[in-house]
Protein backbone atom coordinates (compact mmCIF):
# COMPACT_ATOMS: atom_id res chain seq x y z
CA MET A 1 0.89 14.82 1.14
CA ASN A 2 -0.83 13.93 -1.92
CA ILE A 3 0.86 9.99 -3.62
CA THR A 4 0.42 7.61 -5.82
CA ILE A 5 -0.97 4.02 -4.58
CA LEU A 6 -0.52 1.40 -7.66
CA TYR A 7 -2.01 -2.77 -6.30
CA PHE A 8 -1.16 -5.18 -8.17
CA ALA A 9 -1.82 -8.81 -8.44
CA ARG A 10 -4.72 -10.67 -6.11
CA ILE A 11 -4.44 -7.04 -3.88
CA LYS A 12 -6.11 -5.49 -6.95
CA GLU A 13 -8.66 -8.00 -7.54
CA VAL A 14 -9.71 -7.30 -4.48
CA VAL A 15 -9.30 -4.11 -4.22
CA ASN A 16 -10.70 -3.85 -7.92
CA TYR A 17 -8.53 -1.26 -9.21
CA SER A 18 -5.48 -1.58 -9.99
CA SER A 19 -4.42 2.44 -8.81
CA GLU A 20 -5.74 5.86 -7.15
CA ASP A 21 -4.66 9.27 -6.83
CA VAL A 22 -4.65 10.28 -3.21
CA GLU A 23 -4.11 13.10 -0.24
CA LEU A 24 -2.89 11.43 3.48
CA PRO A 25 -4.11 13.45 6.97
CA ASP A 26 -1.34 14.18 8.95
CA GLY A 27 0.96 11.90 10.36
CA VAL A 28 0.64 8.89 7.55
CA GLU A 29 4.59 9.15 6.30
CA THR A 30 5.64 5.69 6.24
CA ILE A 31 4.92 2.03 4.11
CA VAL A 32 3.07 0.73 8.45
CA ALA A 33 1.63 3.79 8.45
CA LEU A 34 -0.61 4.22 5.01
CA LYS A 35 -1.33 0.13 5.06
CA SER A 36 -3.39 1.40 8.63
CA TRP A 37 -4.86 3.84 7.25
CA LEU A 38 -6.41 1.87 4.30
CA SER A 39 -6.83 -0.72 7.53
CA GLY A 40 -9.58 2.53 8.05
CA ARG A 41 -11.43 1.78 4.98
CA GLY A 42 -13.16 -1.04 5.97
CA ASP A 43 -13.19 -5.13 6.51
CA THR A 44 -12.29 -6.01 3.41
CA TRP A 45 -9.38 -2.79 2.88
CA GLN A 46 -8.52 -4.12 6.95
CA LYS A 47 -7.63 -7.95 5.99
CA LEU A 48 -5.81 -7.14 3.06
CA PHE A 49 -3.65 -4.40 5.49
CA SER A 50 -4.08 -4.95 8.72
CA GLY A 51 -1.26 -7.88 9.38
CA GLY A 52 -3.38 -10.71 8.32
CA GLY A 53 -1.60 -11.10 4.32
CA VAL A 54 1.23 -9.73 3.99
CA VAL A 55 1.36 -7.64 1.46
CA ARG A 56 4.85 -6.24 0.22
CA ALA A 57 5.15 -2.56 -1.00
CA ALA A 58 7.93 -0.13 -3.04
CA ILE A 59 8.57 3.35 -3.73
CA ASN A 60 8.68 4.63 -6.62
CA HIS A 61 10.40 1.60 -8.64
CA GLU A 62 12.53 0.18 -4.90
CA LEU A 63 11.13 -2.62 -2.58
CA VAL A 64 11.35 -1.22 0.87
CA ASP A 65 10.26 -2.85 4.60
CA ASP A 66 7.41 -1.12 6.76
CA MET A 67 8.96 1.36 8.34
CA ALA A 68 10.21 3.07 4.88
CA THR A 69 8.97 6.48 4.11
CA PHE A 70 7.92 8.13 1.57
CA ASP A 71 7.07 12.02 0.02
CA ASP A 72 4.24 14.09 -1.23
CA GLY A 73 4.39 13.23 -4.78
CA ASP A 74 5.47 9.47 -4.35
CA GLU A 75 4.43 6.66 -5.93
CA VAL A 76 3.99 3.46 -4.08
CA ALA A 77 3.35 -0.07 -4.55
CA PHE A 78 1.96 -3.27 -3.32
CA PHE A 79 0.97 -6.28 -4.15
CA PRO A 80 1.79 -9.37 -2.60
CA PRO A 81 4.76 -12.17 -2.67
CA VAL A 82 6.03 -13.90 -4.81
CA THR A 83 7.51 -17.37 -5.63
CA GLY A 84 8.88 -18.46 -9.07
CA GLY A 85 9.89 -22.48 -9.90
């Protein structure tokens, strides 16, 4: 399955790019599975996506929880929680 991943705010700054197109291995079909797969990229990725910090997700511009599923060609965005003032 191929998806586009977008990174925003602090996450974008840490990983040093704002988007990437990825081909996912079989079985990576939920946000939680995607976070786990991304955590396998190394220490920086693990700190971002292994549960140490809160990372929100959206699929095709709609906020979702970690159990949400996505399909081939979807756009998944990750961003830290936003607070207002």
